[in-house]
Amino acid sequence: MTFAEKLIELRKGRGWSQEELGERLGVTRQTVSKWELGSTTPEMEKLAAMGELFGITLDELVRGGESYRMSGEVPEQKVIVVKKSGFVNGEYKSEKKLLGKPLVHINLKGKANGFFAVGLMAKGFFALGLLSMGVFSLGLLSVGVVVLGAIAAVGVAVSALASAGVFAFGAVSLGVFSFGAISCGWLSWGAISSGTYVFGAVAKGQIAIGSTAEGIVVLGKETLGEIEMHLPITAEEFRAAVESRLPDTPKFIVDLFSWFAENVEMS
């Protein structure tokens, strides 16, 4: 092995660049490059410095060999770093996938897209984020099938300050089955309630029960409708009124509102 080859081997064994070796020996990168090309050879002073730097004798440096005895040092070993699965800059993405997406994707600084997704913007079967979209979705603003949102939610079963869905719960809610301070739906219950079958302080619908009620069959303190009723009233009286005017009303609605009529108290 020539000196040039030995120098390259020793330098690379330490994981140094030509520039890094030059800095340790007080020479330029170009000088180290010339030594490794074999176009020039170092002075004795630099050879001695190399021997101490690499922990080998001058004979071993110049002629090659495997012994490292001059200074008693053990040459540095290359360290192979294996990147383990885990959080990197606030993000974790599992290697295992489901339906073509990471099983778990967590990104605390941005978008997450996985079967289980957690992030500022999350999209997945289960999604949790400031803005989330998923079958089961939880977030400040949420869209999904079963949804819980702080401000707004859209889905099948939803709950939020403002919500829209088949089953909607919120301060302001819109849905087939809607419950909220301000509520609109096929079956609606709220302080201010509008829809087909409604119950509320102010209620407007085909069948409406409320302090102020407007519709076809209505029960309340202040009423406006085709059939107007006031408390006290029995469930059978209310049922008869509904069946006479709205015979196609679903039975469970008739039963529910008849029970409300008999048991409601209005201040």
C-alpha atoms as a PDB file:
ATOM      1  CA  MET A   1       0.000   0.000   0.000  1.00  0.00           C
ATOM      2  CA  THR A   2       1.429   3.381  -0.983  1.00  0.00           C
ATOM      3  CA  PHE A   3       1.581   6.362   1.345  1.00  0.00           C
ATOM      4  CA  ALA A   4      -1.171   8.120  -0.678  1.00  0.00           C
ATOM      5  CA  GLU A   5      -3.472   5.090  -0.370  1.00  0.00           C
ATOM      6  CA  LYS A   6      -2.703   4.755   3.346  1.00  0.00           C
ATOM      7  CA  LEU A   7      -3.486   8.427   3.938  1.00  0.00           C
ATOM      8  CA  ILE A   8      -6.834   8.137   2.137  1.00  0.00           C
ATOM      9  CA  GLU A   9      -7.688   5.031   4.153  1.00  0.00           C
ATOM     10  CA  LEU A  10      -6.821   6.676   7.480  1.00  0.00           C
ATOM     11  CA  ARG A  11      -8.667   9.883   6.694  1.00  0.00           C
ATOM     12  CA  LYS A  12     -11.830   8.145   5.543  1.00  0.00           C
ATOM     13  CA  GLY A  13     -11.633   5.787   8.510  1.00  0.00           C
ATOM     14  CA  ARG A  14     -12.008   8.825  10.747  1.00  0.00           C
ATOM     15  CA  GLY A  15     -14.833  10.190   8.591  1.00  0.00           C
ATOM     16  CA  TRP A  16     -12.894  13.377   7.847  1.00  0.00           C
ATOM     17  CA  SER A  17     -12.951  15.448   4.685  1.00  0.00           C
ATOM     18  CA  GLN A  18      -9.685  16.625   3.115  1.00  0.00           C
ATOM     19  CA  GLU A  19     -10.416  20.069   4.531  1.00  0.00           C
ATOM     20  CA  GLU A  20     -10.947  18.704   8.054  1.00  0.00           C
ATOM     21  CA  LEU A  21      -7.658  16.776   7.929  1.00  0.00           C
ATOM     22  CA  GLY A  22      -5.874  19.872   6.624  1.00  0.00           C
ATOM     23  CA  GLU A  23      -7.186  21.932   9.540  1.00  0.00           C
ATOM     24  CA  ARG A  24      -5.806  19.389  12.024  1.00  0.00           C
ATOM     25  CA  LEU A  25      -2.388  19.446  10.327  1.00  0.00           C
ATOM     26  CA  GLY A  26      -2.284  23.179   9.648  1.00  0.00           C
ATOM     27  CA  VAL A  27      -2.345  22.860   5.843  1.00  0.00           C
ATOM     28  CA  THR A  28      -4.847  23.598   3.092  1.00  0.00           C
ATOM     29  CA  ARG A  29      -7.262  21.165   1.512  1.00  0.00           C
ATOM     30  CA  GLN A  30      -5.331  21.476  -1.750  1.00  0.00           C
ATOM     31  CA  THR A  31      -2.179  20.286   0.007  1.00  0.00           C
ATOM     32  CA  VAL A  32      -3.946  17.206   1.390  1.00  0.00           C
ATOM     33  CA  SER A  33      -5.365  16.543  -2.076  1.00  0.00           C
ATOM     34  CA  LYS A  34      -1.855  16.605  -3.602  1.00  0.00           C
ATOM     35  CA  TRP A  35      -0.584  14.155  -0.955  1.00  0.00           C
ATOM     36  CA  GLU A  36      -3.451  11.753  -1.727  1.00  0.00           C
ATOM     37  CA  LEU A  37      -2.867  12.057  -5.462  1.00  0.00           C
ATOM     38  CA  GLY A  38       0.812  11.276  -4.893  1.00  0.00           C
ATOM     39  CA  SER A  39       1.969  14.437  -6.666  1.00  0.00           C
ATOM     40  CA  THR A  40       3.737  15.690  -3.509  1.00  0.00           C
ATOM     41  CA  THR A  41       4.834  14.203  -0.184  1.00  0.00           C
ATOM     42  CA  PRO A  42       4.628  15.850   3.248  1.00  0.00           C
ATOM     43  CA  GLU A  43       7.622  17.110   5.157  1.00  0.00           C
ATOM     44  CA  MET A  44       8.937  15.051   8.074  1.00  0.00           C
ATOM     45  CA  GLU A  45       7.266  17.415  10.537  1.00  0.00           C
ATOM     46  CA  LYS A  46       3.862  16.779   8.938  1.00  0.00           C
ATOM     47  CA  LEU A  47       4.527  13.014   8.798  1.00  0.00           C
ATOM     48  CA  ALA A  48       5.240  13.005  12.532  1.00  0.00           C
ATOM     49  CA  ALA A  49       2.070  15.021  13.174  1.00  0.00           C
ATOM     50  CA  MET A  50       0.076  12.515  11.096  1.00  0.00           C
ATOM     51  CA  GLY A  51       1.562   9.602  13.056  1.00  0.00           C
ATOM     52  CA  GLU A  52       0.428  11.120  16.343  1.00  0.00           C
ATOM     53  CA  LEU A  53      -2.941  12.171  14.879  1.00  0.00           C
ATOM     54  CA  PHE A  54      -3.730   8.663  13.628  1.00  0.00           C
ATOM     55  CA  GLY A  55      -1.949   6.818  16.460  1.00  0.00           C
ATOM     56  CA  ILE A  56       0.495   4.858  14.273  1.00  0.00           C
ATOM     57  CA  THR A  57       4.277   4.736  13.748  1.00  0.00           C
ATOM     58  CA  LEU A  58       5.969   6.576  10.889  1.00  0.00           C
ATOM     59  CA  ASP A  59       6.941   3.223   9.421  1.00  0.00           C
ATOM     60  CA  GLU A  60       3.327   2.097   9.397  1.00  0.00           C
ATOM     61  CA  LEU A  61       2.260   5.433   7.923  1.00  0.00           C
ATOM     62  CA  VAL A  62       4.809   5.424   5.120  1.00  0.00           C
ATOM     63  CA  ARG A  63       4.902   1.687   4.348  1.00  0.00           C
ATOM     64  CA  GLY A  64       1.389   0.630   5.430  1.00  0.00           C
ATOM     65  CA  GLY A  65       0.353  -1.918   8.084  1.00  0.00           C
ATOM     66  CA  GLU A  66      -2.272  -2.561  10.715  1.00  0.00           C
ATOM     67  CA  SER A  67      -0.543  -1.711  14.017  1.00  0.00           C
ATOM     68  CA  TYR A  68      -1.562   1.341  16.061  1.00  0.00           C
ATOM     69  CA  ARG A  69       0.997   1.556  18.829  1.00  0.00           C
ATOM     70  CA  MET A  70       2.859   4.881  18.723  1.00  0.00           C
ATOM     71  CA  SER A  71       0.670   6.899  21.059  1.00  0.00           C
ATOM     72  CA  GLY A  72      -1.379   4.098  22.611  1.00  0.00           C
ATOM     73  CA  GLU A  73      -4.570   5.631  21.242  1.00  0.00           C
ATOM     74  CA  VAL A  74      -7.291   3.557  19.698  1.00  0.00           C
ATOM     75  CA  PRO A  75      -8.436   4.954  16.374  1.00  0.00           C
ATOM     76  CA  GLU A  76     -11.895   6.371  16.289  1.00  0.00           C
ATOM     77  CA  GLN A  77     -14.489   3.980  14.976  1.00  0.00           C
ATOM     78  CA  LYS A  78     -17.096   4.925  12.478  1.00  0.00           C
ATOM     79  CA  VAL A  79     -20.476   5.147  14.132  1.00  0.00           C
ATOM     80  CA  ILE A  80     -23.416   4.059  12.068  1.00  0.00           C
ATOM     81  CA  VAL A  81     -26.521   5.847  13.269  1.00  0.00           C
ATOM     82  CA  VAL A  82     -29.718   3.935  12.730  1.00  0.00           C
ATOM     83  CA  LYS A  83     -32.716   6.203  12.691  1.00  0.00           C
ATOM     84  CA  LYS A  84     -35.369   4.793  14.942  1.00  0.00           C
ATOM     85  CA  SER A  85     -39.047   5.331  14.498  1.00  0.00           C
ATOM     86  CA  GLY A  86     -40.208   8.208  16.711  1.00  0.00           C
ATOM     87  CA  PHE A  87     -40.975  11.896  16.852  1.00  0.00           C
ATOM     88  CA  VAL A  88     -38.842  14.073  14.601  1.00  0.00           C
ATOM     89  CA  ASN A  89     -39.521  17.806  14.792  1.00  0.00           C
ATOM     90  CA  GLY A  90     -42.934  17.181  16.301  1.00  0.00           C
ATOM     91  CA  GLU A  91     -43.969  14.565  13.758  1.00  0.00           C
ATOM     92  CA  TYR A  92     -44.457  10.802  13.988  1.00  0.00           C
ATOM     93  CA  LYS A  93     -45.501   8.535  11.139  1.00  0.00           C
ATOM     94  CA  SER A  94     -45.800   4.807  11.667  1.00  0.00           C
ATOM     95  CA  GLU A  95     -44.249   2.480   9.124  1.00  0.00           C
ATOM     96  CA  LYS A  96     -47.253   0.185   9.289  1.00  0.00           C
ATOM     97  CA  LYS A  97     -50.017   1.200   6.898  1.00  0.00           C
ATOM     98  CA  LEU A  98     -53.725   0.551   6.689  1.00  0.00           C
ATOM     99  CA  LEU A  99     -55.779   1.225   3.556  1.00  0.00           C
ATOM    100  CA  GLY A 100     -52.718   2.804   1.976  1.00  0.00           C
ATOM    101  CA  LYS A 101     -52.195   5.331   4.787  1.00  0.00           C
ATOM    102  CA  PRO A 102     -49.931   5.277   7.852  1.00  0.00           C
ATOM    103  CA  LEU A 103     -51.699   3.564  10.719  1.00  0.00           C
ATOM    104  CA  VAL A 104     -50.763   6.533  12.923  1.00  0.00           C
ATOM    105  CA  HIS A 105     -49.694   9.975  11.761  1.00  0.00           C
ATOM    106  CA  ILE A 106     -49.104  12.713  14.318  1.00  0.00           C
ATOM    107  CA  ASN A 107     -47.929  16.132  13.203  1.00  0.00           C
ATOM    108  CA  LEU A 108     -48.057  18.754  15.916  1.00  0.00           C
ATOM    109  CA  LYS A 109     -46.870  21.469  13.532  1.00  0.00           C
ATOM    110  CA  GLY A 110     -48.911  20.836  10.397  1.00  0.00           C
ATOM    111  CA  LYS A 111     -50.995  18.362   8.403  1.00  0.00           C
ATOM    112  CA  ALA A 112     -51.584  14.773   9.465  1.00  0.00           C
ATOM    113  CA  ASN A 113     -53.077  12.129   7.193  1.00  0.00           C
ATOM    114  CA  GLY A 114     -53.407   8.603   8.549  1.00  0.00           C
ATOM    115  CA  PHE A 115     -55.879   6.028   9.780  1.00  0.00           C
ATOM    116  CA  PHE A 116     -55.390   7.660  13.197  1.00  0.00           C
ATOM    117  CA  ALA A 117     -54.487  11.300  12.518  1.00  0.00           C
ATOM    118  CA  VAL A 118     -53.557  14.020  15.001  1.00  0.00           C
ATOM    119  CA  GLY A 119     -52.374  17.436  13.839  1.00  0.00           C
ATOM    120  CA  LEU A 120     -53.166  21.072  13.269  1.00  0.00           C
ATOM    121  CA  MET A 121     -55.024  19.822  10.203  1.00  0.00           C
ATOM    122  CA  ALA A 122     -55.985  16.158  10.563  1.00  0.00           C
ATOM    123  CA  LYS A 123     -57.571  13.794   8.067  1.00  0.00           C
ATOM    124  CA  GLY A 124     -58.236  10.146   8.798  1.00  0.00           C
ATOM    125  CA  PHE A 125     -60.687   7.514   9.940  1.00  0.00           C
ATOM    126  CA  PHE A 126     -60.113   8.901  13.446  1.00  0.00           C
ATOM    127  CA  ALA A 127     -59.088  12.571  13.212  1.00  0.00           C
ATOM    128  CA  LEU A 128     -58.131  14.990  15.975  1.00  0.00           C
ATOM    129  CA  GLY A 129     -57.015  18.538  15.178  1.00  0.00           C
ATOM    130  CA  LEU A 130     -57.832  22.213  15.060  1.00  0.00           C
ATOM    131  CA  LEU A 131     -59.305  21.424  11.654  1.00  0.00           C
ATOM    132  CA  SER A 132     -60.297  17.764  11.397  1.00  0.00           C
ATOM    133  CA  MET A 133     -61.985  15.513   8.858  1.00  0.00           C
ATOM    134  CA  GLY A 134     -62.787  11.864   9.412  1.00  0.00           C
ATOM    135  CA  VAL A 135     -65.377   9.212  10.175  1.00  0.00           C
ATOM    136  CA  PHE A 136     -64.799  10.040  13.839  1.00  0.00           C
ATOM    137  CA  SER A 137     -63.672  13.657  14.002  1.00  0.00           C
ATOM    138  CA  LEU A 138     -62.802  15.907  16.923  1.00  0.00           C
ATOM    139  CA  GLY A 139     -61.577  19.489  16.511  1.00  0.00           C
ATOM    140  CA  LEU A 140     -62.157  23.205  16.639  1.00  0.00           C
ATOM    141  CA  LEU A 141     -63.680  22.902  13.159  1.00  0.00           C
ATOM    142  CA  SER A 142     -64.741  19.347  12.305  1.00  0.00           C
ATOM    143  CA  VAL A 143     -66.270  17.414   9.435  1.00  0.00           C
ATOM    144  CA  GLY A 144     -67.154  13.720   9.536  1.00  0.00           C
ATOM    145  CA  VAL A 145     -69.720  11.097  10.441  1.00  0.00           C
ATOM    146  CA  VAL A 146     -69.488  11.220  14.233  1.00  0.00           C
ATOM    147  CA  VAL A 147     -68.204  14.713  14.970  1.00  0.00           C
ATOM    148  CA  LEU A 148     -67.393  16.858  17.988  1.00  0.00           C
ATOM    149  CA  GLY A 149     -66.260  20.416  17.346  1.00  0.00           C
ATOM    150  CA  ALA A 150     -65.677  23.433  19.558  1.00  0.00           C
ATOM    151  CA  ILE A 151     -66.922  26.003  17.037  1.00  0.00           C
ATOM    152  CA  ALA A 152     -68.374  24.262  13.997  1.00  0.00           C
ATOM    153  CA  ALA A 153     -69.130  20.696  12.979  1.00  0.00           C
ATOM    154  CA  VAL A 154     -70.697  19.029   9.967  1.00  0.00           C
ATOM    155  CA  GLY A 155     -71.555  15.336   9.815  1.00  0.00           C
ATOM    156  CA  VAL A 156     -74.090  12.653  10.648  1.00  0.00           C
ATOM    157  CA  ALA A 157     -73.926  12.878  14.450  1.00  0.00           C
ATOM    158  CA  VAL A 158     -72.429  16.207  15.449  1.00  0.00           C
ATOM    159  CA  SER A 159     -71.981  18.436  18.456  1.00  0.00           C
ATOM    160  CA  ALA A 160     -70.502  21.920  18.392  1.00  0.00           C
ATOM    161  CA  LEU A 161     -71.216  25.572  19.014  1.00  0.00           C
ATOM    162  CA  ALA A 162     -72.581  25.580  15.469  1.00  0.00           C
ATOM    163  CA  SER A 163     -73.481  22.188  14.028  1.00  0.00           C
ATOM    164  CA  ALA A 164     -75.106  20.691  10.952  1.00  0.00           C
ATOM    165  CA  GLY A 165     -75.904  17.027  10.435  1.00  0.00           C
ATOM    166  CA  VAL A 166     -78.446  14.254  10.711  1.00  0.00           C
ATOM    167  CA  PHE A 167     -78.143  14.417  14.501  1.00  0.00           C
ATOM    168  CA  ALA A 168     -77.066  17.946  15.448  1.00  0.00           C
ATOM    169  CA  PHE A 169     -76.386  19.350  18.909  1.00  0.00           C
ATOM    170  CA  GLY A 170     -75.167  22.916  19.399  1.00  0.00           C
ATOM    171  CA  ALA A 171     -75.900  26.494  20.336  1.00  0.00           C
ATOM    172  CA  VAL A 172     -76.900  26.855  16.687  1.00  0.00           C
ATOM    173  CA  SER A 173     -77.850  23.538  15.094  1.00  0.00           C
ATOM    174  CA  LEU A 174     -79.234  22.400  11.766  1.00  0.00           C
ATOM    175  CA  GLY A 175     -80.179  18.783  11.121  1.00  0.00           C
ATOM    176  CA  VAL A 176     -82.827  16.125  10.696  1.00  0.00           C
ATOM    177  CA  PHE A 177     -82.783  15.724  14.471  1.00  0.00           C
ATOM    178  CA  SER A 178     -81.676  19.091  15.824  1.00  0.00           C
ATOM    179  CA  PHE A 179     -81.156  20.239  19.401  1.00  0.00           C
ATOM    180  CA  GLY A 180     -79.825  23.701  20.283  1.00  0.00           C
ATOM    181  CA  ALA A 181     -80.482  27.203  21.530  1.00  0.00           C
ATOM    182  CA  ILE A 182     -81.352  28.060  17.940  1.00  0.00           C
ATOM    183  CA  SER A 183     -82.483  24.887  16.228  1.00  0.00           C
ATOM    184  CA  CYS A 184     -83.790  23.970  12.780  1.00  0.00           C
ATOM    185  CA  GLY A 185     -84.679  20.448  11.668  1.00  0.00           C
ATOM    186  CA  TRP A 186     -87.259  17.818  10.881  1.00  0.00           C
ATOM    187  CA  LEU A 187     -87.465  17.139  14.631  1.00  0.00           C
ATOM    188  CA  SER A 188     -86.239  20.267  16.374  1.00  0.00           C
ATOM    189  CA  TRP A 189     -85.856  21.227  20.018  1.00  0.00           C
ATOM    190  CA  GLY A 190     -84.511  24.589  21.144  1.00  0.00           C
ATOM    191  CA  ALA A 191     -85.139  27.970  22.678  1.00  0.00           C
ATOM    192  CA  ILE A 192     -85.916  29.202  19.171  1.00  0.00           C
ATOM    193  CA  SER A 193     -86.998  26.219  17.136  1.00  0.00           C
ATOM    194  CA  SER A 194     -88.132  25.811  13.545  1.00  0.00           C
ATOM    195  CA  GLY A 195     -88.890  22.743  11.432  1.00  0.00           C
ATOM    196  CA  THR A 196     -91.542  20.123  10.885  1.00  0.00           C
ATOM    197  CA  TYR A 197     -92.073  18.899  14.424  1.00  0.00           C
ATOM    198  CA  VAL A 198     -90.758  21.429  16.949  1.00  0.00           C
ATOM    199  CA  PHE A 199     -90.575  22.129  20.646  1.00  0.00           C
ATOM    200  CA  GLY A 200     -89.201  25.355  22.144  1.00  0.00           C
ATOM    201  CA  ALA A 201     -89.815  28.662  23.830  1.00  0.00           C
ATOM    202  CA  VAL A 202     -90.522  30.052  20.373  1.00  0.00           C
ATOM    203  CA  ALA A 203     -91.623  27.227  18.062  1.00  0.00           C
ATOM    204  CA  LYS A 204     -92.693  27.173  14.435  1.00  0.00           C
ATOM    205  CA  GLY A 205     -93.605  23.994  12.526  1.00  0.00           C
ATOM    206  CA  GLN A 206     -96.400  21.688  11.416  1.00  0.00           C
ATOM    207  CA  ILE A 207     -96.712  20.527  15.017  1.00  0.00           C
ATOM    208  CA  ALA A 208     -95.384  23.124  17.446  1.00  0.00           C
ATOM    209  CA  ILE A 209     -95.289  23.206  21.243  1.00  0.00           C
ATOM    210  CA  GLY A 210     -93.938  26.316  22.947  1.00  0.00           C
ATOM    211  CA  SER A 211     -94.667  29.462  24.888  1.00  0.00           C
ATOM    212  CA  THR A 212     -95.106  31.070  21.498  1.00  0.00           C
ATOM    213  CA  ALA A 213     -96.184  28.487  18.935  1.00  0.00           C
ATOM    214  CA  GLU A 214     -97.035  28.820  15.256  1.00  0.00           C
ATOM    215  CA  GLY A 215     -98.024  26.085  12.810  1.00  0.00           C
ATOM    216  CA  ILE A 216    -100.857  23.729  11.879  1.00  0.00           C
ATOM    217  CA  VAL A 217    -101.389  21.975  15.229  1.00  0.00           C
ATOM    218  CA  VAL A 218    -100.042  24.207  17.989  1.00  0.00           C
ATOM    219  CA  LEU A 219     -99.972  24.228  21.777  1.00  0.00           C
ATOM    220  CA  GLY A 220     -98.769  27.198  23.821  1.00  0.00           C
ATOM    221  CA  LYS A 221     -99.525  30.384  25.695  1.00  0.00           C
ATOM    222  CA  GLU A 222     -99.495  32.465  22.532  1.00  0.00           C
ATOM    223  CA  THR A 223    -100.592  30.493  19.492  1.00  0.00           C
ATOM    224  CA  LEU A 224    -101.176  30.969  15.772  1.00  0.00           C
ATOM    225  CA  GLY A 225    -102.384  27.965  13.787  1.00  0.00           C
ATOM    226  CA  GLU A 226    -105.238  25.980  12.305  1.00  0.00           C
ATOM    227  CA  ILE A 227    -105.762  24.010  15.508  1.00  0.00           C
ATOM    228  CA  GLU A 228    -104.793  26.036  18.577  1.00  0.00           C
ATOM    229  CA  MET A 229    -104.648  24.445  22.026  1.00  0.00           C
ATOM    230  CA  HIS A 230    -103.732  25.702  25.472  1.00  0.00           C
ATOM    231  CA  LEU A 231    -102.820  24.106  28.788  1.00  0.00           C
ATOM    232  CA  PRO A 232    -103.976  22.079  30.568  1.00  0.00           C
ATOM    233  CA  ILE A 233    -104.553  19.353  27.978  1.00  0.00           C
ATOM    234  CA  THR A 234    -104.437  15.561  27.998  1.00  0.00           C
ATOM    235  CA  ALA A 235    -102.308  13.419  25.746  1.00  0.00           C
ATOM    236  CA  GLU A 236    -105.442  11.931  24.154  1.00  0.00           C
ATOM    237  CA  GLU A 237    -106.836  15.377  23.307  1.00  0.00           C
ATOM    238  CA  PHE A 238    -103.602  16.400  21.624  1.00  0.00           C
ATOM    239  CA  ARG A 239    -103.349  13.038  19.811  1.00  0.00           C
ATOM    240  CA  ALA A 240    -106.867  13.399  18.446  1.00  0.00           C
ATOM    241  CA  ALA A 241    -106.117  16.882  17.107  1.00  0.00           C
ATOM    242  CA  VAL A 242    -102.960  15.728  15.322  1.00  0.00           C
ATOM    243  CA  GLU A 243    -104.585  12.618  13.833  1.00  0.00           C
ATOM    244  CA  SER A 244    -107.578  14.615  12.564  1.00  0.00           C
ATOM    245  CA  ARG A 245    -105.482  17.262  10.772  1.00  0.00           C
ATOM    246  CA  LEU A 246    -102.163  15.493  10.089  1.00  0.00           C
ATOM    247  CA  PRO A 247    -103.021  11.788   9.746  1.00  0.00           C
ATOM    248  CA  ASP A 248     -99.727  10.915   8.021  1.00  0.00           C
ATOM    249  CA  THR A 249     -97.645  11.993  11.027  1.00  0.00           C
ATOM    250  CA  PRO A 250     -95.268   9.175  12.147  1.00  0.00           C
ATOM    251  CA  LYS A 251     -96.644   7.344  15.171  1.00  0.00           C
ATOM    252  CA  PHE A 252     -93.542   7.934  17.314  1.00  0.00           C
ATOM    253  CA  ILE A 253     -93.897  11.684  16.689  1.00  0.00           C
ATOM    254  CA  VAL A 254     -97.581  11.578  17.692  1.00  0.00           C
ATOM    255  CA  ASP A 255     -96.711   9.632  20.839  1.00  0.00           C
ATOM    256  CA  LEU A 256     -93.782  11.911  21.707  1.00  0.00           C
ATOM    257  CA  PHE A 257     -95.623  15.207  21.274  1.00  0.00           C
ATOM    258  CA  SER A 258     -98.768  13.899  22.961  1.00  0.00           C
ATOM    259  CA  TRP A 259     -96.628  13.053  25.996  1.00  0.00           C
ATOM    260  CA  PHE A 260     -95.013  16.518  25.844  1.00  0.00           C
ATOM    261  CA  ALA A 261     -98.433  18.145  25.649  1.00  0.00           C
ATOM    262  CA  GLU A 262     -99.660  16.463  28.811  1.00  0.00           C
ATOM    263  CA  ASN A 263     -96.477  16.965  30.839  1.00  0.00           C
ATOM    264  CA  VAL A 264     -95.095  20.311  29.672  1.00  0.00           C
ATOM    265  CA  GLU A 265     -95.149  23.345  31.967  1.00  0.00           C
ATOM    266  CA  MET A 266     -95.015  26.839  30.536  1.00  0.00           C
ATOM    267  CA  SER A 267     -94.112  29.858  32.630  1.00  0.00           C
END
